[in-house]
Amino acid sequence: MHQLEETIERIQLEKRDIEAQAAAQADTCRQLTQTNSVLSAKTLRLAEEAASTPSGIRQQLEECQAKLQKANQEIEAMRMSDNGQRIALLDELNEMQTENGNLRAQLRAMKK
């Protein structure tokens, strides 16, 4: 019975760790989205300036657009990775909850 209680505690700790990891990944996605917004605004501003300035600015605009495209690709890759990890974490959480339920049922059976 003591071993079952330790297993339940271990599962609960792992669950909290998984939830913390998911929250950290969500925060990273939020930060990347904010960075994307800043780069998008900068690109738009530079596009407006480029329409009325020489080719040096146009080159800067092209560089910013390339950086923006790279940032968008990183965000999309991060979102895909985050989704995959969330699915895996939810599957693991589901397994732990099932195991936890089974262990509780065993404890109840042992108490009877």
PDB file of N, CA and C in Angstrom:
ATOM      1  N   MET A   1       0.829  -1.175   0.000  1.00  0.00           N
ATOM      2  CA  MET A   1       0.000   0.000   0.000  1.00  0.00           C
ATOM      3  C   MET A   1       0.885   1.255   0.000  1.00  0.00           C
ATOM      4  N   HIS A   2       1.963   1.221   0.764  1.00  0.00           N
ATOM      5  CA  HIS A   2       2.900   2.352   0.803  1.00  0.00           C
ATOM      6  C   HIS A   2       3.497   2.588  -0.587  1.00  0.00           C
ATOM      7  N   GLN A   3       3.802   1.499  -1.258  1.00  0.00           N
ATOM      8  CA  GLN A   3       4.370   1.616  -2.612  1.00  0.00           C
ATOM      9  C   GLN A   3       3.360   2.260  -3.568  1.00  0.00           C
ATOM     10  N   LEU A   4       2.106   1.928  -3.443  1.00  0.00           N
ATOM     11  CA  LEU A   4       1.075   2.517  -4.288  1.00  0.00           C
ATOM     12  C   LEU A   4       0.944   4.014  -4.021  1.00  0.00           C
ATOM     13  N   GLU A   5       1.027   4.396  -2.748  1.00  0.00           N
ATOM     14  CA  GLU A   5       0.946   5.815  -2.408  1.00  0.00           C
ATOM     15  C   GLU A   5       2.139   6.578  -2.965  1.00  0.00           C
ATOM     16  N   GLU A   6       3.327   5.971  -2.906  1.00  0.00           N
ATOM     17  CA  GLU A   6       4.517   6.609  -3.482  1.00  0.00           C
ATOM     18  C   GLU A   6       4.364   6.765  -4.994  1.00  0.00           C
ATOM     19  N   THR A   7       3.797   5.760  -5.632  1.00  0.00           N
ATOM     20  CA  THR A   7       3.578   5.825  -7.076  1.00  0.00           C
ATOM     21  C   THR A   7       2.617   6.948  -7.423  1.00  0.00           C
ATOM     22  N   ILE A   8       1.571   7.093  -6.645  1.00  0.00           N
ATOM     23  CA  ILE A   8       0.601   8.178  -6.872  1.00  0.00           C
ATOM     24  C   ILE A   8       1.293   9.525  -6.720  1.00  0.00           C
ATOM     25  N   GLU A   9       2.108   9.689  -5.685  1.00  0.00           N
ATOM     26  CA  GLU A   9       2.825  10.956  -5.477  1.00  0.00           C
ATOM     27  C   GLU A   9       3.782  11.240  -6.641  1.00  0.00           C
ATOM     28  N   ARG A  10       4.467  10.207  -7.101  1.00  0.00           N
ATOM     29  CA  ARG A  10       5.398  10.368  -8.221  1.00  0.00           C
ATOM     30  C   ARG A  10       4.647  10.810  -9.478  1.00  0.00           C
ATOM     31  N   ILE A  11       3.513  10.202  -9.717  1.00  0.00           N
ATOM     32  CA  ILE A  11       2.702  10.545 -10.895  1.00  0.00           C
ATOM     33  C   ILE A  11       2.224  11.989 -10.796  1.00  0.00           C
ATOM     34  N   GLN A  12       1.822  12.402  -9.607  1.00  0.00           N
ATOM     35  CA  GLN A  12       1.355  13.778  -9.434  1.00  0.00           C
ATOM     36  C   GLN A  12       2.490  14.775  -9.659  1.00  0.00           C
ATOM     37  N   LEU A  13       3.698  14.445  -9.200  1.00  0.00           N
ATOM     38  CA  LEU A  13       4.860  15.314  -9.445  1.00  0.00           C
ATOM     39  C   LEU A  13       5.170  15.401 -10.936  1.00  0.00           C
ATOM     40  N   GLU A  14       5.118  14.268 -11.618  1.00  0.00           N
ATOM     41  CA  GLU A  14       5.375  14.265 -13.055  1.00  0.00           C
ATOM     42  C   GLU A  14       4.322  15.084 -13.795  1.00  0.00           C
ATOM     43  N   LYS A  15       3.095  14.987 -13.348  1.00  0.00           N
ATOM     44  CA  LYS A  15       2.014  15.767 -13.957  1.00  0.00           C
ATOM     45  C   LYS A  15       2.315  17.256 -13.820  1.00  0.00           C
ATOM     46  N   ARG A  16       2.726  17.699 -12.632  1.00  0.00           N
ATOM     47  CA  ARG A  16       3.049  19.113 -12.421  1.00  0.00           C
ATOM     48  C   ARG A  16       4.221  19.546 -13.301  1.00  0.00           C
ATOM     49  N   ASP A  17       5.217  18.683 -13.442  1.00  0.00           N
ATOM     50  CA  ASP A  17       6.360  18.997 -14.311  1.00  0.00           C
ATOM     51  C   ASP A  17       5.911  19.165 -15.761  1.00  0.00           C
ATOM     52  N   ILE A  18       5.048  18.279 -16.216  1.00  0.00           N
ATOM     53  CA  ILE A  18       4.545  18.342 -17.596  1.00  0.00           C
ATOM     54  C   ILE A  18       3.755  19.630 -17.803  1.00  0.00           C
ATOM     55  N   GLU A  19       2.948  19.971 -16.836  1.00  0.00           N
ATOM     56  CA  GLU A  19       2.163  21.201 -16.955  1.00  0.00           C
ATOM     57  C   GLU A  19       3.078  22.426 -16.979  1.00  0.00           C
ATOM     58  N   ALA A  20       4.145  22.406 -16.187  1.00  0.00           N
ATOM     59  CA  ALA A  20       5.097  23.526 -16.171  1.00  0.00           C
ATOM     60  C   ALA A  20       5.809  23.645 -17.517  1.00  0.00           C
ATOM     61  N   GLN A  21       6.176  22.519 -18.106  1.00  0.00           N
ATOM     62  CA  GLN A  21       6.825  22.533 -19.421  1.00  0.00           C
ATOM     63  C   GLN A  21       5.889  23.100 -20.476  1.00  0.00           C
ATOM     64  N   ALA A  22       4.640  22.696 -20.428  1.00  0.00           N
ATOM     65  CA  ALA A  22       3.662  23.204 -21.399  1.00  0.00           C
ATOM     66  C   ALA A  22       3.488  24.707 -21.243  1.00  0.00           C
ATOM     67  N   ALA A  23       3.464  25.197 -20.015  1.00  0.00           N
ATOM     68  CA  ALA A  23       3.321  26.642 -19.778  1.00  0.00           C
ATOM     69  C   ALA A  23       4.541  27.395 -20.304  1.00  0.00           C
ATOM     70  N   ALA A  24       5.733  26.826 -20.108  1.00  0.00           N
ATOM     71  CA  ALA A  24       6.953  27.470 -20.604  1.00  0.00           C
ATOM     72  C   ALA A  24       6.943  27.549 -22.127  1.00  0.00           C
ATOM     73  N   GLN A  25       6.485  26.491 -22.767  1.00  0.00           N
ATOM     74  CA  GLN A  25       6.418  26.491 -24.229  1.00  0.00           C
ATOM     75  C   GLN A  25       5.389  27.490 -24.735  1.00  0.00           C
ATOM     76  N   ALA A  26       4.296  27.602 -24.034  1.00  0.00           N
ATOM     77  CA  ALA A  26       3.278  28.587 -24.428  1.00  0.00           C
ATOM     78  C   ALA A  26       3.837  30.001 -24.292  1.00  0.00           C
ATOM     79  N   ASP A  27       4.637  30.237 -23.246  1.00  0.00           N
ATOM     80  CA  ASP A  27       5.247  31.551 -23.064  1.00  0.00           C
ATOM     81  C   ASP A  27       6.247  31.840 -24.193  1.00  0.00           C
ATOM     82  N   THR A  28       7.013  30.856 -24.586  1.00  0.00           N
ATOM     83  CA  THR A  28       7.951  31.035 -25.692  1.00  0.00           C
ATOM     84  C   THR A  28       7.212  31.366 -26.976  1.00  0.00           C
ATOM     85  N   CYS A  29       6.115  30.685 -27.237  1.00  0.00           N
ATOM     86  CA  CYS A  29       5.307  30.980 -28.430  1.00  0.00           C
ATOM     87  C   CYS A  29       4.770  32.408 -28.373  1.00  0.00           C
ATOM     88  N   ARG A  30       4.328  32.827 -27.195  1.00  0.00           N
ATOM     89  CA  ARG A  30       3.811  34.188 -27.040  1.00  0.00           C
ATOM     90  C   ARG A  30       4.913  35.207 -27.330  1.00  0.00           C
ATOM     91  N   GLN A  31       6.112  34.959 -26.837  1.00  0.00           N
ATOM     92  CA  GLN A  31       7.230  35.875 -27.070  1.00  0.00           C
ATOM     93  C   GLN A  31       7.589  35.922 -28.555  1.00  0.00           C
ATOM     94  N   LEU A  32       7.595  34.775 -29.205  1.00  0.00           N
ATOM     95  CA  LEU A  32       7.894  34.745 -30.631  1.00  0.00           C
ATOM     96  C   LEU A  32       6.828  35.483 -31.437  1.00  0.00           C
ATOM     97  N   THR A  33       5.584  35.367 -31.026  1.00  0.00           N
ATOM     98  CA  THR A  33       4.495  36.072 -31.702  1.00  0.00           C
ATOM     99  C   THR A  33       4.665  37.575 -31.532  1.00  0.00           C
ATOM    100  N   GLN A  34       5.049  38.020 -30.334  1.00  0.00           N
ATOM    101  CA  GLN A  34       5.286  39.439 -30.105  1.00  0.00           C
ATOM    102  C   GLN A  34       6.443  39.940 -30.965  1.00  0.00           C
ATOM    103  N   THR A  35       7.511  39.167 -31.041  1.00  0.00           N
ATOM    104  CA  THR A  35       8.653  39.536 -31.869  1.00  0.00           C
ATOM    105  C   THR A  35       8.232  39.626 -33.330  1.00  0.00           C
ATOM    106  N   ASN A  36       7.409  38.700 -33.751  1.00  0.00           N
ATOM    107  CA  ASN A  36       6.902  38.706 -35.122  1.00  0.00           C
ATOM    108  C   ASN A  36       6.114  39.984 -35.388  1.00  0.00           C
ATOM    109  N   SER A  37       5.292  40.392 -34.445  1.00  0.00           N
ATOM    110  CA  SER A  37       4.502  41.613 -34.603  1.00  0.00           C
ATOM    111  C   SER A  37       5.402  42.832 -34.723  1.00  0.00           C
ATOM    112  N   VAL A  38       6.440  42.884 -33.899  1.00  0.00           N
ATOM    113  CA  VAL A  38       7.386  44.012 -33.954  1.00  0.00           C
ATOM    114  C   VAL A  38       8.086  44.042 -35.312  1.00  0.00           C
ATOM    115  N   LEU A  39       8.529  42.883 -35.769  1.00  0.00           N
ATOM    116  CA  LEU A  39       9.219  42.830 -37.067  1.00  0.00           C
ATOM    117  C   LEU A  39       8.270  43.177 -38.212  1.00  0.00           C
ATOM    118  N   SER A  40       7.028  42.767 -38.111  1.00  0.00           N
ATOM    119  CA  SER A  40       6.046  43.105 -39.147  1.00  0.00           C
ATOM    120  C   SER A  40       5.834  44.611 -39.208  1.00  0.00           C
ATOM    121  N   ALA A  41       5.709  45.235 -38.050  1.00  0.00           N
ATOM    122  CA  ALA A  41       5.514  46.692 -38.011  1.00  0.00           C
ATOM    123  C   ALA A  41       6.730  47.409 -38.582  1.00  0.00           C
ATOM    124  N   LYS A  42       7.908  46.930 -38.233  1.00  0.00           N
ATOM    125  CA  LYS A  42       9.146  47.547 -38.742  1.00  0.00           C
ATOM    126  C   LYS A  42       9.228  47.388 -40.256  1.00  0.00           C
ATOM    127  N   THR A  43       8.851  46.234 -40.755  1.00  0.00           N
ATOM    128  CA  THR A  43       8.881  45.990 -42.196  1.00  0.00           C
ATOM    129  C   THR A  43       7.917  46.923 -42.923  1.00  0.00           C
ATOM    130  N   LEU A  44       6.739  47.094 -42.369  1.00  0.00           N
ATOM    131  CA  LEU A  44       5.767  48.004 -42.986  1.00  0.00           C
ATOM    132  C   LEU A  44       6.286  49.434 -42.994  1.00  0.00           C
ATOM    133  N   ARG A  45       6.870  49.855 -41.873  1.00  0.00           N
ATOM    134  CA  ARG A  45       7.424  51.208 -41.801  1.00  0.00           C
ATOM    135  C   ARG A  45       8.537  51.396 -42.825  1.00  0.00           C
ATOM    136  N   LEU A  46       9.410  50.416 -42.902  1.00  0.00           N
ATOM    137  CA  LEU A  46      10.510  50.502 -43.865  1.00  0.00           C
ATOM    138  C   LEU A  46       9.992  50.463 -45.302  1.00  0.00           C
ATOM    139  N   ALA A  47       8.925  49.742 -45.540  1.00  0.00           N
ATOM    140  CA  ALA A  47       8.350  49.693 -46.888  1.00  0.00           C
ATOM    141  C   ALA A  47       7.842  51.075 -47.295  1.00  0.00           C
ATOM    142  N   GLU A  48       7.231  51.765 -46.356  1.00  0.00           N
ATOM    143  CA  GLU A  48       6.746  53.113 -46.640  1.00  0.00           C
ATOM    144  C   GLU A  48       7.913  54.066 -46.908  1.00  0.00           C
ATOM    145  N   GLU A  49       8.960  53.945 -46.097  1.00  0.00           N
ATOM    146  CA  GLU A  49      10.136  54.794 -46.288  1.00  0.00           C
ATOM    147  C   GLU A  49      10.841  54.474 -47.601  1.00  0.00           C
ATOM    148  N   ALA A  50      10.863  53.202 -47.948  1.00  0.00           N
ATOM    149  CA  ALA A  50      11.561  52.780 -49.163  1.00  0.00           C
ATOM    150  C   ALA A  50      10.895  53.338 -50.415  1.00  0.00           C
ATOM    151  N   ALA A  51       9.611  53.556 -50.345  1.00  0.00           N
ATOM    152  CA  ALA A  51       8.905  54.087 -51.508  1.00  0.00           C
ATOM    153  C   ALA A  51       9.377  55.500 -51.844  1.00  0.00           C
ATOM    154  N   SER A  52       9.919  56.200 -50.859  1.00  0.00           N
ATOM    155  CA  SER A  52      10.341  57.582 -51.091  1.00  0.00           C
ATOM    156  C   SER A  52      11.832  57.809 -50.885  1.00  0.00           C
ATOM    157  N   THR A  53      12.621  56.757 -50.771  1.00  0.00           N
ATOM    158  CA  THR A  53      14.056  56.921 -50.532  1.00  0.00           C
ATOM    159  C   THR A  53      14.879  56.080 -51.504  1.00  0.00           C
ATOM    160  N   PRO A  54      16.192  56.298 -51.512  1.00  0.00           N
ATOM    161  CA  PRO A  54      17.078  55.590 -52.448  1.00  0.00           C
ATOM    162  C   PRO A  54      17.225  54.085 -52.163  1.00  0.00           C
ATOM    163  N   SER A  55      18.019  53.460 -52.972  1.00  0.00           N
ATOM    164  CA  SER A  55      18.143  51.998 -52.946  1.00  0.00           C
ATOM    165  C   SER A  55      18.764  51.444 -51.666  1.00  0.00           C
ATOM    166  N   GLY A  56      19.524  52.235 -50.913  1.00  0.00           N
ATOM    167  CA  GLY A  56      20.112  51.750 -49.650  1.00  0.00           C
ATOM    168  C   GLY A  56      19.029  51.313 -48.676  1.00  0.00           C
ATOM    169  N   ILE A  57      17.967  52.088 -48.616  1.00  0.00           N
ATOM    170  CA  ILE A  57      16.838  51.746 -47.756  1.00  0.00           C
ATOM    171  C   ILE A  57      16.122  50.513 -48.298  1.00  0.00           C
ATOM    172  N   ARG A  58      16.034  50.438 -49.597  1.00  0.00           N
ATOM    173  CA  ARG A  58      15.391  49.252 -50.188  1.00  0.00           C
ATOM    174  C   ARG A  58      16.134  47.981 -49.797  1.00  0.00           C
ATOM    175  N   GLN A  59      17.447  48.081 -49.761  1.00  0.00           N
ATOM    176  CA  GLN A  59      18.244  46.923 -49.363  1.00  0.00           C
ATOM    177  C   GLN A  59      17.946  46.573 -47.900  1.00  0.00           C
ATOM    178  N   GLN A  60      17.849  47.599 -47.040  1.00  0.00           N
ATOM    179  CA  GLN A  60      17.511  47.343 -45.636  1.00  0.00           C
ATOM    180  C   GLN A  60      16.134  46.698 -45.517  1.00  0.00           C
ATOM    181  N   LEU A  61      15.214  47.171 -46.331  1.00  0.00           N
ATOM    182  CA  LEU A  61      13.871  46.604 -46.325  1.00  0.00           C
ATOM    183  C   LEU A  61      13.905  45.134 -46.722  1.00  0.00           C
ATOM    184  N   GLU A  62      14.655  44.822 -47.741  1.00  0.00           N
ATOM    185  CA  GLU A  62      14.762  43.426 -48.179  1.00  0.00           C
ATOM    186  C   GLU A  62      15.367  42.555 -47.079  1.00  0.00           C
ATOM    187  N   GLU A  63      16.362  43.119 -46.369  1.00  0.00           N
ATOM    188  CA  GLU A  63      16.971  42.370 -45.268  1.00  0.00           C
ATOM    189  C   GLU A  63      15.952  42.131 -44.150  1.00  0.00           C
ATOM    190  N   CYS A  64      15.177  43.179 -43.840  1.00  0.00           N
ATOM    191  CA  CYS A  64      14.141  43.028 -42.794  1.00  0.00           C
ATOM    192  C   CYS A  64      13.075  42.025 -43.214  1.00  0.00           C
ATOM    193  N   GLN A  65      12.720  42.065 -44.484  1.00  0.00           N
ATOM    194  CA  GLN A  65      11.720  41.115 -44.962  1.00  0.00           C
ATOM    195  C   GLN A  65      12.249  39.690 -44.868  1.00  0.00           C
ATOM    196  N   ALA A  66      13.533  39.515 -45.163  1.00  0.00           N
ATOM    197  CA  ALA A  66      14.132  38.181 -45.042  1.00  0.00           C
ATOM    198  C   ALA A  66      14.131  37.729 -43.581  1.00  0.00           C
ATOM    199  N   LYS A  67      14.466  38.669 -42.672  1.00  0.00           N
ATOM    200  CA  LYS A  67      14.449  38.332 -41.240  1.00  0.00           C
ATOM    201  C   LYS A  67      13.036  37.999 -40.776  1.00  0.00           C
ATOM    202  N   LEU A  68      12.074  38.773 -41.266  1.00  0.00           N
ATOM    203  CA  LEU A  68      10.681  38.529 -40.907  1.00  0.00           C
ATOM    204  C   LEU A  68      10.236  37.152 -41.398  1.00  0.00           C
ATOM    205  N   GLN A  69      10.602  36.824 -42.609  1.00  0.00           N
ATOM    206  CA  GLN A  69      10.230  35.519 -43.152  1.00  0.00           C
ATOM    207  C   GLN A  69      10.860  34.400 -42.322  1.00  0.00           C
ATOM    208  N   LYS A  70      12.122  34.588 -41.934  1.00  0.00           N
ATOM    209  CA  LYS A  70      12.795  33.587 -41.110  1.00  0.00           C
ATOM    210  C   LYS A  70      12.104  33.467 -39.748  1.00  0.00           C
ATOM    211  N   ALA A  71      11.737  34.621 -39.157  1.00  0.00           N
ATOM    212  CA  ALA A  71      11.051  34.606 -37.862  1.00  0.00           C
ATOM    213  C   ALA A  71       9.705  33.891 -37.983  1.00  0.00           C
ATOM    214  N   ASN A  72       8.986  34.153 -39.080  1.00  0.00           N
ATOM    215  CA  ASN A  72       7.704  33.473 -39.301  1.00  0.00           C
ATOM    216  C   ASN A  72       7.891  31.967 -39.418  1.00  0.00           C
ATOM    217  N   GLN A  73       8.944  31.560 -40.097  1.00  0.00           N
ATOM    218  CA  GLN A  73       9.220  30.131 -40.230  1.00  0.00           C
ATOM    219  C   GLN A  73       9.550  29.515 -38.869  1.00  0.00           C
ATOM    220  N   GLU A  74      10.326  30.252 -38.057  1.00  0.00           N
ATOM    221  CA  GLU A  74      10.659  29.752 -36.721  1.00  0.00           C
ATOM    222  C   GLU A  74       9.412  29.645 -35.848  1.00  0.00           C
ATOM    223  N   ILE A  75       8.538  30.645 -35.957  1.00  0.00           N
ATOM    224  CA  ILE A  75       7.301  30.608 -35.179  1.00  0.00           C
ATOM    225  C   ILE A  75       6.460  29.407 -35.588  1.00  0.00           C
ATOM    226  N   GLU A  76       6.341  29.191 -36.876  1.00  0.00           N
ATOM    227  CA  GLU A  76       5.538  28.066 -37.357  1.00  0.00           C
ATOM    228  C   GLU A  76       6.147  26.732 -36.903  1.00  0.00           C
ATOM    229  N   ALA A  77       7.477  26.632 -36.968  1.00  0.00           N
ATOM    230  CA  ALA A  77       8.140  25.407 -36.510  1.00  0.00           C
ATOM    231  C   ALA A  77       7.923  25.210 -35.009  1.00  0.00           C
ATOM    232  N   MET A  78       7.986  26.314 -34.263  1.00  0.00           N
ATOM    233  CA  MET A  78       7.782  26.238 -32.818  1.00  0.00           C
ATOM    234  C   MET A  78       6.347  25.828 -32.507  1.00  0.00           C
ATOM    235  N   ARG A  79       5.398  26.374 -33.242  1.00  0.00           N
ATOM    236  CA  ARG A  79       4.002  26.000 -33.020  1.00  0.00           C
ATOM    237  C   ARG A  79       3.777  24.522 -33.315  1.00  0.00           C
ATOM    238  N   MET A  80       4.368  24.053 -34.388  1.00  0.00           N
ATOM    239  CA  MET A  80       4.199  22.635 -34.737  1.00  0.00           C
ATOM    240  C   MET A  80       4.834  21.760 -33.663  1.00  0.00           C
ATOM    241  N   SER A  81       6.019  22.157 -33.215  1.00  0.00           N
ATOM    242  CA  SER A  81       6.698  21.407 -32.166  1.00  0.00           C
ATOM    243  C   SER A  81       5.887  21.442 -30.873  1.00  0.00           C
ATOM    244  N   ASP A  82       5.381  22.627 -30.555  1.00  0.00           N
ATOM    245  CA  ASP A  82       4.572  22.797 -29.346  1.00  0.00           C
ATOM    246  C   ASP A  82       3.331  21.917 -29.412  1.00  0.00           C
ATOM    247  N   ASN A  83       2.668  21.909 -30.551  1.00  0.00           N
ATOM    248  CA  ASN A  83       1.472  21.075 -30.702  1.00  0.00           C
ATOM    249  C   ASN A  83       1.811  19.601 -30.537  1.00  0.00           C
ATOM    250  N   GLY A  84       2.912  19.179 -31.145  1.00  0.00           N
ATOM    251  CA  GLY A  84       3.328  17.785 -31.014  1.00  0.00           C
ATOM    252  C   GLY A  84       3.638  17.422 -29.574  1.00  0.00           C
ATOM    253  N   GLN A  85       4.334  18.335 -28.882  1.00  0.00           N
ATOM    254  CA  GLN A  85       4.660  18.068 -27.486  1.00  0.00           C
ATOM    255  C   GLN A  85       3.419  18.086 -26.612  1.00  0.00           C
ATOM    256  N   ARG A  86       2.499  18.991 -26.893  1.00  0.00           N
ATOM    257  CA  ARG A  86       1.264  19.021 -26.114  1.00  0.00           C
ATOM    258  C   ARG A  86       0.492  17.719 -26.277  1.00  0.00           C
ATOM    259  N   ILE A  87       0.430  17.225 -27.499  1.00  0.00           N
ATOM    260  CA  ILE A  87      -0.271  15.959 -27.735  1.00  0.00           C
ATOM    261  C   ILE A  87       0.404  14.837 -26.948  1.00  0.00           C
ATOM    262  N   ALA A  88       1.742  14.804 -27.015  1.00  0.00           N
ATOM    263  CA  ALA A  88       2.475  13.767 -26.284  1.00  0.00           C
ATOM    264  C   ALA A  88       2.267  13.915 -24.774  1.00  0.00           C
ATOM    265  N   LEU A  89       2.308  15.155 -24.292  1.00  0.00           N
ATOM    266  CA  LEU A  89       2.117  15.389 -22.865  1.00  0.00           C
ATOM    267  C   LEU A  89       0.700  15.024 -22.422  1.00  0.00           C
ATOM    268  N   LEU A  90      -0.275  15.351 -23.245  1.00  0.00           N
ATOM    269  CA  LEU A  90      -1.651  14.983 -22.910  1.00  0.00           C
ATOM    270  C   LEU A  90      -1.836  13.467 -22.904  1.00  0.00           C
ATOM    271  N   ASP A  91      -1.200  12.789 -23.867  1.00  0.00           N
ATOM    272  CA  ASP A  91      -1.257  11.319 -23.874  1.00  0.00           C
ATOM    273  C   ASP A  91      -0.630  10.753 -22.605  1.00  0.00           C
ATOM    274  N   GLU A  92       0.530  11.318 -22.231  1.00  0.00           N
ATOM    275  CA  GLU A  92       1.206  10.841 -21.027  1.00  0.00           C
ATOM    276  C   GLU A  92       0.369  11.147 -19.782  1.00  0.00           C
ATOM    277  N   LEU A  93      -0.213  12.329 -19.743  1.00  0.00           N
ATOM    278  CA  LEU A  93      -1.074  12.700 -18.622  1.00  0.00           C
ATOM    279  C   LEU A  93      -2.271  11.754 -18.536  1.00  0.00           C
ATOM    280  N   ASN A  94      -2.858  11.430 -19.678  1.00  0.00           N
ATOM    281  CA  ASN A  94      -3.990  10.507 -19.707  1.00  0.00           C
ATOM    282  C   ASN A  94      -3.579   9.136 -19.163  1.00  0.00           C
ATOM    283  N   GLU A  95      -2.397   8.684 -19.576  1.00  0.00           N
ATOM    284  CA  GLU A  95      -1.897   7.398 -19.070  1.00  0.00           C
ATOM    285  C   GLU A  95      -1.705   7.454 -17.560  1.00  0.00           C
ATOM    286  N   MET A  96      -1.136   8.572 -17.084  1.00  0.00           N
ATOM    287  CA  MET A  96      -0.891   8.708 -15.648  1.00  0.00           C
ATOM    288  C   MET A  96      -2.203   8.745 -14.874  1.00  0.00           C
ATOM    289  N   GLN A  97      -3.190   9.440 -15.423  1.00  0.00           N
ATOM    290  CA  GLN A  97      -4.482   9.502 -14.740  1.00  0.00           C
ATOM    291  C   GLN A  97      -5.148   8.124 -14.708  1.00  0.00           C
ATOM    292  N   THR A  98      -5.014   7.385 -15.791  1.00  0.00           N
ATOM    293  CA  THR A  98      -5.558   6.026 -15.819  1.00  0.00           C
ATOM    294  C   THR A  98      -4.847   5.159 -14.785  1.00  0.00           C
ATOM    295  N   GLU A  99      -3.505   5.270 -14.756  1.00  0.00           N
ATOM    296  CA  GLU A  99      -2.734   4.494 -13.790  1.00  0.00           C
ATOM    297  C   GLU A  99      -3.089   4.908 -12.363  1.00  0.00           C
ATOM    298  N   ASN A 100      -3.239   6.222 -12.178  1.00  0.00           N
ATOM    299  CA  ASN A 100      -3.624   6.740 -10.861  1.00  0.00           C
ATOM    300  C   ASN A 100      -4.983   6.174 -10.443  1.00  0.00           C
ATOM    301  N   GLY A 101      -5.945   6.151 -11.361  1.00  0.00           N
ATOM    302  CA  GLY A 101      -7.261   5.592 -11.071  1.00  0.00           C
ATOM    303  C   GLY A 101      -7.182   4.115 -10.716  1.00  0.00           C
ATOM    304  N   ASN A 102      -6.356   3.398 -11.466  1.00  0.00           N
ATOM    305  CA  ASN A 102      -6.185   1.964 -11.180  1.00  0.00           C
ATOM    306  C   ASN A 102      -5.567   1.745  -9.795  1.00  0.00           C
ATOM    307  N   LEU A 103      -4.561   2.579  -9.477  1.00  0.00           N
ATOM    308  CA  LEU A 103      -3.910   2.444  -8.174  1.00  0.00           C
ATOM    309  C   LEU A 103      -4.883   2.779  -7.040  1.00  0.00           C
ATOM    310  N   ARG A 104      -5.700   3.778  -7.241  1.00  0.00           N
ATOM    311  CA  ARG A 104      -6.688   4.127  -6.231  1.00  0.00           C
ATOM    312  C   ARG A 104      -7.701   2.993  -6.048  1.00  0.00           C
ATOM    313  N   ALA A 105      -8.091   2.401  -7.151  1.00  0.00           N
ATOM    314  CA  ALA A 105      -9.018   1.267  -7.068  1.00  0.00           C
ATOM    315  C   ALA A 105      -8.376   0.110  -6.305  1.00  0.00           C
ATOM    316  N   GLN A 106      -7.089  -0.099  -6.554  1.00  0.00           N
ATOM    317  CA  GLN A 106      -6.386  -1.164  -5.826  1.00  0.00           C
ATOM    318  C   GLN A 106      -6.331  -0.833  -4.318  1.00  0.00           C
ATOM    319  N   LEU A 107      -6.052   0.467  -4.032  1.00  0.00           N
ATOM    320  CA  LEU A 107      -6.010   0.860  -2.615  1.00  0.00           C
ATOM    321  C   LEU A 107      -7.363   0.648  -1.952  1.00  0.00           C
ATOM    322  N   ARG A 108      -8.433   1.023  -2.635  1.00  0.00           N
ATOM    323  CA  ARG A 108      -9.760   0.825  -2.071  1.00  0.00           C
ATOM    324  C   ARG A 108     -10.044  -0.644  -1.842  1.00  0.00           C
ATOM    325  N   ALA A 109      -9.635  -1.470  -2.811  1.00  0.00           N
ATOM    326  CA  ALA A 109      -9.855  -2.917  -2.697  1.00  0.00           C
ATOM    327  C   ALA A 109      -9.059  -3.489  -1.515  1.00  0.00           C
ATOM    328  N   MET A 110      -7.849  -2.952  -1.310  1.00  0.00           N
ATOM    329  CA  MET A 110      -7.011  -3.456  -0.210  1.00  0.00           C
ATOM    330  C   MET A 110      -7.593  -3.025   1.147  1.00  0.00           C
ATOM    331  N   LYS A 111      -8.227  -1.856   1.194  1.00  0.00           N
ATOM    332  CA  LYS A 111      -8.787  -1.348   2.452  1.00  0.00           C
ATOM    333  C   LYS A 111     -10.032  -2.128   2.854  1.00  0.00           C
ATOM    334  N   LYS A 112     -10.743  -2.689   1.869  1.00  0.00           N
ATOM    335  CA  LYS A 112     -11.967  -3.458   2.149  1.00  0.00           C
ATOM    336  C   LYS A 112     -11.579  -4.779   2.697  1.00  0.00           C
TER     337      LYS A 112
END
